[in-house]
N, C-alpha and C. Protein backbone atom coordinates (compact mmCIF):
# COMPACT_ATOMS: atom_id res chain seq x y z
N UNK A 1 -10.15 -12.40 -11.49
CA UNK A 1 -9.54 -12.12 -10.21
C UNK A 1 -9.86 -10.67 -9.84
N UNK A 2 -10.65 -10.49 -8.81
CA UNK A 2 -11.14 -9.17 -8.42
C UNK A 2 -10.01 -8.21 -8.03
N UNK A 3 -8.95 -8.75 -7.49
CA UNK A 3 -7.87 -7.87 -7.02
C UNK A 3 -7.17 -7.20 -8.19
N UNK A 4 -6.78 -7.97 -9.18
CA UNK A 4 -5.92 -7.46 -10.23
C UNK A 4 -6.60 -7.20 -11.57
N UNK A 5 -7.73 -7.79 -11.82
CA UNK A 5 -8.45 -7.57 -13.06
C UNK A 5 -7.64 -7.93 -14.29
N UNK A 6 -7.85 -7.18 -15.35
CA UNK A 6 -7.21 -7.45 -16.64
C UNK A 6 -5.69 -7.32 -16.57
N UNK A 7 -5.19 -6.35 -15.78
CA UNK A 7 -3.73 -6.20 -15.64
C UNK A 7 -3.09 -7.44 -15.05
N UNK A 8 -3.75 -8.04 -14.08
CA UNK A 8 -3.24 -9.27 -13.48
C UNK A 8 -3.21 -10.41 -14.47
N UNK A 9 -4.25 -10.51 -15.28
CA UNK A 9 -4.30 -11.56 -16.30
C UNK A 9 -3.17 -11.40 -17.30
N UNK A 10 -2.91 -10.15 -17.72
CA UNK A 10 -1.81 -9.91 -18.66
C UNK A 10 -0.46 -10.29 -18.05
N UNK A 11 -0.25 -9.91 -16.80
CA UNK A 11 1.03 -10.24 -16.14
C UNK A 11 1.18 -11.75 -16.00
N UNK A 12 0.11 -12.42 -15.62
CA UNK A 12 0.15 -13.87 -15.47
C UNK A 12 0.38 -14.56 -16.81
N UNK A 13 -0.27 -14.06 -17.86
CA UNK A 13 -0.06 -14.63 -19.19
C UNK A 13 1.39 -14.46 -19.63
N UNK A 14 1.99 -13.31 -19.33
CA UNK A 14 3.39 -13.07 -19.68
C UNK A 14 4.32 -14.01 -18.95
N UNK A 15 4.05 -14.23 -17.66
CA UNK A 15 4.86 -15.16 -16.88
C UNK A 15 4.67 -16.59 -17.39
N UNK A 16 3.45 -16.92 -17.78
CA UNK A 16 3.16 -18.27 -18.27
C UNK A 16 3.91 -18.61 -19.54
N UNK A 17 4.25 -17.59 -20.33
CA UNK A 17 5.00 -17.84 -21.56
C UNK A 17 6.37 -18.45 -21.28
N UNK A 18 6.99 -18.00 -20.21
CA UNK A 18 8.33 -18.50 -19.90
C UNK A 18 8.31 -19.59 -18.85
N UNK A 19 7.36 -19.53 -17.91
CA UNK A 19 7.31 -20.53 -16.85
C UNK A 19 5.87 -20.79 -16.41
N UNK A 20 5.18 -21.63 -17.15
CA UNK A 20 3.80 -21.92 -16.78
C UNK A 20 3.68 -22.54 -15.39
N UNK A 21 4.68 -23.30 -14.98
CA UNK A 21 4.63 -23.91 -13.65
C UNK A 21 4.70 -22.86 -12.55
N UNK A 22 5.59 -21.87 -12.70
CA UNK A 22 5.69 -20.81 -11.69
C UNK A 22 4.38 -20.04 -11.60
N UNK A 23 3.80 -19.71 -12.74
CA UNK A 23 2.51 -19.00 -12.76
C UNK A 23 1.44 -19.82 -12.06
N UNK A 24 1.41 -21.10 -12.36
CA UNK A 24 0.41 -22.00 -11.75
C UNK A 24 0.59 -22.08 -10.24
N UNK A 25 1.82 -22.29 -9.78
CA UNK A 25 2.07 -22.41 -8.34
C UNK A 25 1.76 -21.11 -7.61
N UNK A 26 2.10 -19.98 -8.24
CA UNK A 26 1.83 -18.70 -7.62
C UNK A 26 0.33 -18.51 -7.41
N UNK A 27 -0.46 -18.83 -8.41
CA UNK A 27 -1.91 -18.68 -8.30
C UNK A 27 -2.48 -19.70 -7.33
N UNK A 28 -2.10 -20.95 -7.48
CA UNK A 28 -2.68 -22.00 -6.62
C UNK A 28 -2.33 -21.79 -5.16
N UNK A 29 -1.07 -21.55 -4.86
CA UNK A 29 -0.66 -21.40 -3.47
C UNK A 29 -1.00 -20.02 -2.93
N UNK A 30 -0.53 -19.00 -3.63
CA UNK A 30 -0.72 -17.63 -3.14
C UNK A 30 -2.17 -17.22 -3.04
N UNK A 31 -2.87 -17.38 -4.14
CA UNK A 31 -4.25 -16.87 -4.18
C UNK A 31 -5.28 -17.96 -3.92
N UNK A 32 -4.91 -19.21 -4.15
CA UNK A 32 -5.84 -20.29 -3.87
C UNK A 32 -5.81 -20.71 -2.42
N UNK A 33 -4.61 -20.81 -1.84
CA UNK A 33 -4.48 -21.26 -0.45
C UNK A 33 -4.39 -20.09 0.54
N UNK A 34 -3.42 -19.22 0.37
CA UNK A 34 -3.16 -18.18 1.37
C UNK A 34 -4.26 -17.11 1.38
N UNK A 35 -4.54 -16.52 0.24
CA UNK A 35 -5.53 -15.44 0.20
C UNK A 35 -6.94 -15.90 0.57
N UNK A 36 -7.21 -17.18 0.49
CA UNK A 36 -8.54 -17.69 0.81
C UNK A 36 -8.74 -18.00 2.29
N UNK A 37 -7.70 -17.91 3.07
CA UNK A 37 -7.85 -18.16 4.50
C UNK A 37 -8.77 -17.11 5.11
N UNK A 38 -9.53 -17.49 6.10
CA UNK A 38 -10.56 -16.60 6.65
C UNK A 38 -10.08 -15.69 7.78
N UNK A 39 -8.86 -15.85 8.24
CA UNK A 39 -8.39 -15.10 9.40
C UNK A 39 -8.16 -13.61 9.12
N UNK A 40 -7.86 -13.26 7.89
CA UNK A 40 -7.71 -11.85 7.48
C UNK A 40 -8.57 -11.62 6.25
N UNK A 41 -9.16 -10.45 6.16
CA UNK A 41 -9.90 -10.13 4.94
C UNK A 41 -8.92 -9.74 3.84
N UNK A 42 -9.40 -9.70 2.63
CA UNK A 42 -8.52 -9.48 1.48
C UNK A 42 -7.87 -8.09 1.50
N UNK A 43 -8.56 -7.09 2.04
CA UNK A 43 -7.97 -5.76 2.13
C UNK A 43 -6.75 -5.78 3.06
N UNK A 44 -6.89 -6.42 4.20
CA UNK A 44 -5.75 -6.51 5.12
C UNK A 44 -4.61 -7.30 4.49
N UNK A 45 -4.94 -8.35 3.77
CA UNK A 45 -3.90 -9.13 3.11
C UNK A 45 -3.13 -8.28 2.10
N UNK A 46 -3.82 -7.45 1.36
CA UNK A 46 -3.13 -6.58 0.40
C UNK A 46 -2.25 -5.56 1.11
N UNK A 47 -2.72 -4.99 2.22
CA UNK A 47 -1.90 -4.03 2.97
C UNK A 47 -0.66 -4.71 3.55
N UNK A 48 -0.81 -5.93 4.03
CA UNK A 48 0.35 -6.69 4.51
C UNK A 48 1.32 -6.96 3.36
N UNK A 49 0.78 -7.31 2.21
CA UNK A 49 1.63 -7.57 1.04
C UNK A 49 2.38 -6.31 0.63
N UNK A 50 1.70 -5.18 0.65
CA UNK A 50 2.36 -3.90 0.33
C UNK A 50 3.49 -3.64 1.32
N UNK A 51 3.26 -3.92 2.58
CA UNK A 51 4.31 -3.69 3.57
C UNK A 51 5.51 -4.61 3.34
N UNK A 52 5.25 -5.87 3.00
CA UNK A 52 6.35 -6.80 2.76
C UNK A 52 7.15 -6.41 1.52
N UNK A 53 6.46 -6.05 0.45
CA UNK A 53 7.15 -5.64 -0.77
C UNK A 53 7.92 -4.34 -0.56
N UNK A 54 7.36 -3.45 0.24
CA UNK A 54 8.08 -2.21 0.59
C UNK A 54 9.36 -2.55 1.33
N UNK A 55 9.26 -3.43 2.31
CA UNK A 55 10.43 -3.79 3.12
C UNK A 55 11.53 -4.43 2.27
N UNK A 56 11.13 -5.22 1.28
CA UNK A 56 12.14 -5.82 0.40
C UNK A 56 12.91 -4.76 -0.37
N UNK A 57 12.22 -3.70 -0.75
CA UNK A 57 12.88 -2.55 -1.35
C UNK A 57 13.25 -2.65 -2.82
N UNK A 58 13.03 -3.79 -3.44
CA UNK A 58 13.47 -3.94 -4.83
C UNK A 58 12.42 -4.66 -5.68
N UNK A 59 11.18 -4.46 -5.35
CA UNK A 59 10.09 -5.19 -6.04
C UNK A 59 9.06 -4.22 -6.61
N UNK A 60 9.51 -3.13 -7.22
CA UNK A 60 8.59 -2.10 -7.67
C UNK A 60 7.49 -2.61 -8.62
N UNK A 61 7.78 -3.48 -9.58
CA UNK A 61 6.68 -3.95 -10.44
C UNK A 61 5.60 -4.69 -9.65
N UNK A 62 6.02 -5.55 -8.74
CA UNK A 62 5.05 -6.29 -7.93
C UNK A 62 4.34 -5.35 -6.96
N UNK A 63 5.08 -4.41 -6.38
CA UNK A 63 4.48 -3.43 -5.47
C UNK A 63 3.43 -2.61 -6.20
N UNK A 64 3.73 -2.16 -7.39
CA UNK A 64 2.77 -1.40 -8.18
C UNK A 64 1.50 -2.20 -8.41
N UNK A 65 1.65 -3.47 -8.77
CA UNK A 65 0.50 -4.33 -8.99
C UNK A 65 -0.35 -4.50 -7.75
N UNK A 66 0.31 -4.64 -6.61
CA UNK A 66 -0.45 -4.83 -5.37
C UNK A 66 -1.07 -3.52 -4.88
N UNK A 67 -0.45 -2.40 -5.15
CA UNK A 67 -1.09 -1.12 -4.83
C UNK A 67 -2.34 -0.96 -5.70
N UNK A 68 -2.21 -1.27 -6.98
CA UNK A 68 -3.39 -1.25 -7.87
C UNK A 68 -4.47 -2.18 -7.34
N UNK A 69 -4.07 -3.39 -6.97
CA UNK A 69 -5.01 -4.37 -6.46
C UNK A 69 -5.70 -3.91 -5.19
N UNK A 70 -4.93 -3.32 -4.29
CA UNK A 70 -5.50 -2.82 -3.04
C UNK A 70 -6.56 -1.75 -3.32
N UNK A 71 -6.26 -0.86 -4.23
CA UNK A 71 -7.25 0.17 -4.61
C UNK A 71 -8.48 -0.47 -5.24
N UNK A 72 -8.27 -1.50 -6.05
CA UNK A 72 -9.39 -2.18 -6.72
C UNK A 72 -10.37 -2.79 -5.73
N UNK A 73 -9.88 -3.21 -4.58
CA UNK A 73 -10.76 -3.89 -3.62
C UNK A 73 -11.16 -3.00 -2.45
N UNK A 74 -10.91 -1.70 -2.57
CA UNK A 74 -11.45 -0.77 -1.59
C UNK A 74 -10.50 -0.19 -0.57
N UNK A 75 -9.22 -0.52 -0.64
CA UNK A 75 -8.28 0.14 0.26
C UNK A 75 -8.16 1.60 -0.16
N UNK A 76 -7.99 2.45 0.82
CA UNK A 76 -7.89 3.88 0.56
C UNK A 76 -6.43 4.29 0.34
N UNK A 77 -6.20 5.26 -0.53
CA UNK A 77 -4.82 5.73 -0.74
C UNK A 77 -4.11 6.10 0.57
N UNK A 78 -4.84 6.73 1.48
CA UNK A 78 -4.23 7.14 2.75
C UNK A 78 -3.78 5.91 3.56
N UNK A 79 -4.47 4.79 3.45
CA UNK A 79 -4.06 3.57 4.14
C UNK A 79 -2.76 3.03 3.54
N UNK A 80 -2.66 3.08 2.23
CA UNK A 80 -1.46 2.60 1.54
C UNK A 80 -0.26 3.46 1.92
N UNK A 81 -0.45 4.78 1.92
CA UNK A 81 0.62 5.70 2.32
C UNK A 81 1.04 5.43 3.76
N UNK A 82 0.08 5.22 4.63
CA UNK A 82 0.40 4.99 6.04
C UNK A 82 1.15 3.68 6.26
N UNK A 83 0.80 2.65 5.52
CA UNK A 83 1.53 1.38 5.61
C UNK A 83 2.99 1.59 5.20
N UNK A 84 3.20 2.32 4.12
CA UNK A 84 4.57 2.58 3.67
C UNK A 84 5.33 3.40 4.71
N UNK A 85 4.67 4.38 5.30
CA UNK A 85 5.30 5.18 6.37
C UNK A 85 5.72 4.29 7.54
N UNK A 86 4.86 3.36 7.93
CA UNK A 86 5.16 2.46 9.05
C UNK A 86 6.39 1.60 8.73
N UNK A 87 6.49 1.15 7.50
CA UNK A 87 7.61 0.29 7.12
C UNK A 87 8.93 1.05 7.14
N UNK A 88 8.89 2.36 6.92
CA UNK A 88 10.12 3.16 6.96
C UNK A 88 10.85 2.98 8.29
N UNK A 89 10.07 2.83 9.35
CA UNK A 89 10.65 2.67 10.68
C UNK A 89 11.48 1.40 10.80
N UNK A 90 11.07 0.35 10.12
CA UNK A 90 11.72 -0.95 10.26
C UNK A 90 12.61 -1.34 9.09
N UNK A 91 12.29 -0.87 7.90
CA UNK A 91 13.06 -1.27 6.72
C UNK A 91 13.95 -0.15 6.20
N UNK A 92 13.78 1.04 6.73
CA UNK A 92 14.63 2.16 6.34
C UNK A 92 13.99 3.08 5.32
N UNK A 93 14.56 4.27 5.25
CA UNK A 93 14.02 5.28 4.36
C UNK A 93 14.20 4.96 2.88
N UNK A 94 15.31 4.39 2.43
CA UNK A 94 15.42 4.09 1.00
C UNK A 94 14.31 3.19 0.49
N UNK A 95 13.99 2.14 1.23
CA UNK A 95 12.91 1.24 0.82
C UNK A 95 11.57 1.96 0.81
N UNK A 96 11.33 2.77 1.84
CA UNK A 96 10.07 3.50 1.92
C UNK A 96 9.95 4.55 0.83
N UNK A 97 11.03 5.22 0.52
CA UNK A 97 11.01 6.23 -0.55
C UNK A 97 10.71 5.57 -1.89
N UNK A 98 11.36 4.45 -2.17
CA UNK A 98 11.08 3.73 -3.42
C UNK A 98 9.62 3.34 -3.49
N UNK A 99 9.08 2.83 -2.39
CA UNK A 99 7.67 2.43 -2.36
C UNK A 99 6.74 3.61 -2.51
N UNK A 100 7.06 4.71 -1.85
CA UNK A 100 6.21 5.89 -1.93
C UNK A 100 6.18 6.44 -3.36
N UNK A 101 7.32 6.42 -4.03
CA UNK A 101 7.35 6.88 -5.41
C UNK A 101 6.56 5.94 -6.33
N UNK A 102 6.58 4.66 -6.03
CA UNK A 102 5.76 3.71 -6.78
C UNK A 102 4.29 4.00 -6.54
N UNK A 103 3.92 4.23 -5.28
CA UNK A 103 2.53 4.57 -4.95
C UNK A 103 2.11 5.86 -5.66
N UNK A 104 3.00 6.84 -5.68
CA UNK A 104 2.72 8.10 -6.36
C UNK A 104 2.40 7.85 -7.84
N UNK A 105 3.20 7.04 -8.50
CA UNK A 105 2.97 6.73 -9.91
C UNK A 105 1.61 6.07 -10.12
N UNK A 106 1.26 5.14 -9.24
CA UNK A 106 -0.04 4.47 -9.35
C UNK A 106 -1.16 5.47 -9.12
N UNK A 107 -1.02 6.31 -8.12
CA UNK A 107 -2.06 7.30 -7.82
C UNK A 107 -2.24 8.29 -8.98
N UNK A 108 -1.15 8.69 -9.60
CA UNK A 108 -1.25 9.58 -10.77
C UNK A 108 -1.93 8.85 -11.92
N UNK A 109 -1.53 7.63 -12.18
CA UNK A 109 -2.10 6.84 -13.26
C UNK A 109 -3.62 6.68 -13.08
N UNK A 110 -4.04 6.55 -11.84
CA UNK A 110 -5.47 6.34 -11.56
C UNK A 110 -6.24 7.64 -11.34
N UNK A 111 -5.56 8.78 -11.44
CA UNK A 111 -6.24 10.05 -11.26
C UNK A 111 -6.52 10.44 -9.82
N UNK A 112 -5.87 9.77 -8.90
CA UNK A 112 -6.02 10.06 -7.47
C UNK A 112 -5.18 11.26 -7.09
N UNK A 113 -4.07 11.41 -7.78
CA UNK A 113 -3.11 12.48 -7.53
C UNK A 113 -2.77 13.10 -8.86
N UNK A 114 -2.59 14.40 -8.86
CA UNK A 114 -2.24 15.07 -10.12
C UNK A 114 -0.73 15.06 -10.32
N UNK A 115 -0.32 14.90 -11.56
CA UNK A 115 1.10 14.96 -11.88
C UNK A 115 1.61 16.37 -11.64
N UNK A 116 2.87 16.45 -11.36
CA UNK A 116 3.48 17.77 -11.10
C UNK A 116 3.57 18.60 -12.34
């Protein structure tokens, strides 16, 4: 899976240990049906996913994975930051702050941003 690579496989394997059906449905529906639609390219789909997870405000592990995935497929850090900024207007500052801190951690981990 080009979006998530080895990290995605590990997460999916972990989920499969407890619920193979949930893992299967997530892959088949989410990535087999939805992500394969031609109306949006995969980069836009990842940015939309980041915005939705940001708005939920309590999905940091999934948000981290999708930020990693977005970077893997060519989204720019500035695009990710801007999506989170846009969501602040509609979902509030607490959700956006949580997302921005998650993005910061991913950027530091990937060497995009230096740790303080």
